[in-house]
Amino acid sequence: MLGYTLPSEFLKTIKVDKIRFYVSAQNPVTWFKYNGFSPELGNQSVSDMGIDNNVYPVSAVYNFGVNVKF
């Protein structure tokens, strides 16, 4: 997570106690030498080990937000 809180001198002029902008990311970039959807094959039985069942790919999650305190 990366965030920035605006300086208090600026906030006094707009009569707000606190404003914070933030961004966070989970799995933003993945590197692997696998040509399928995902190198994680999911929960499998012993007889299915190593078989790609086209599970959903590893997803990237991005969050952006603003916290305002009056």
Protein backbone atom coordinates (compact mmCIF):
# COMPACT_ATOMS: atom_id res chain seq x y z
CA MET A 1 0.00 0.00 0.00
CA LEU A 2 1.20 3.46 -0.82
CA GLY A 3 -0.48 6.56 0.58
CA TYR A 4 -0.14 10.30 0.82
CA THR A 5 -1.68 12.62 3.41
CA LEU A 6 -2.16 16.23 2.39
CA PRO A 7 -0.31 18.84 4.48
CA SER A 8 -2.23 20.33 7.41
CA GLU A 9 -1.57 23.92 6.23
CA PHE A 10 -3.55 23.25 3.07
CA LEU A 11 -6.32 21.45 4.95
CA LYS A 12 -6.91 24.43 7.23
CA THR A 13 -7.87 26.54 4.21
CA ILE A 14 -10.61 24.08 3.17
CA LYS A 15 -11.67 23.31 6.80
CA VAL A 16 -10.99 19.56 6.72
CA ASP A 17 -9.04 17.68 9.42
CA LYS A 18 -7.39 15.06 7.21
CA ILE A 19 -7.34 13.86 3.59
CA ARG A 20 -5.37 10.77 2.59
CA PHE A 21 -5.08 9.25 -0.90
CA TYR A 22 -3.94 5.65 -1.21
CA VAL A 23 -3.37 2.83 -3.69
CA SER A 24 -2.68 -0.84 -3.08
CA ALA A 25 -2.07 -3.84 -5.33
CA GLN A 26 -2.10 -7.60 -4.92
CA ASN A 27 -0.42 -9.74 -7.62
CA PRO A 28 0.12 -6.76 -9.95
CA VAL A 29 2.68 -8.67 -12.04
CA THR A 30 3.32 -12.40 -12.31
CA TRP A 31 6.25 -14.06 -14.06
CA PHE A 32 6.23 -17.74 -14.92
CA LYS A 33 7.17 -19.92 -17.88
CA TYR A 34 3.77 -21.59 -18.10
CA ASN A 35 1.59 -21.10 -21.18
CA GLY A 36 -1.72 -22.03 -19.54
CA PHE A 37 -4.03 -19.79 -17.53
CA SER A 38 -2.26 -20.30 -14.22
CA PRO A 39 0.66 -22.34 -12.89
CA GLU A 40 -1.43 -23.07 -9.79
CA LEU A 41 -3.38 -26.19 -10.66
CA GLY A 42 -5.75 -26.07 -7.70
CA ASN A 43 -6.81 -28.85 -5.35
CA GLN A 44 -6.39 -32.16 -7.11
CA SER A 45 -6.49 -35.81 -6.25
CA VAL A 46 -3.33 -37.91 -6.52
CA SER A 47 -4.45 -39.34 -9.87
CA ASP A 48 -4.86 -35.81 -11.33
CA MET A 49 -1.48 -34.40 -10.24
CA GLY A 50 0.15 -32.28 -12.96
CA ILE A 51 -2.95 -32.11 -15.16
CA ASP A 52 -4.17 -28.63 -16.06
CA ASN A 53 -7.94 -28.44 -15.57
CA ASN A 54 -8.17 -24.84 -16.84
CA VAL A 55 -8.53 -23.27 -13.42
CA TYR A 56 -9.07 -19.50 -13.23
CA PRO A 57 -5.90 -17.45 -13.76
CA VAL A 58 -4.12 -15.64 -10.94
CA SER A 59 -5.89 -12.30 -10.75
CA ALA A 60 -4.44 -8.89 -10.12
CA VAL A 61 -6.32 -6.69 -7.64
CA TYR A 62 -5.94 -2.90 -7.51
CA ASN A 63 -7.51 -0.62 -4.89
CA PHE A 64 -7.63 3.16 -4.97
CA GLY A 65 -9.18 5.29 -2.29
CA VAL A 66 -9.53 8.55 -0.39
CA ASN A 67 -10.01 8.95 3.36
CA VAL A 68 -11.52 12.24 4.48
CA LYS A 69 -11.90 13.29 8.12
CA PHE A 70 -14.03 16.31 8.96
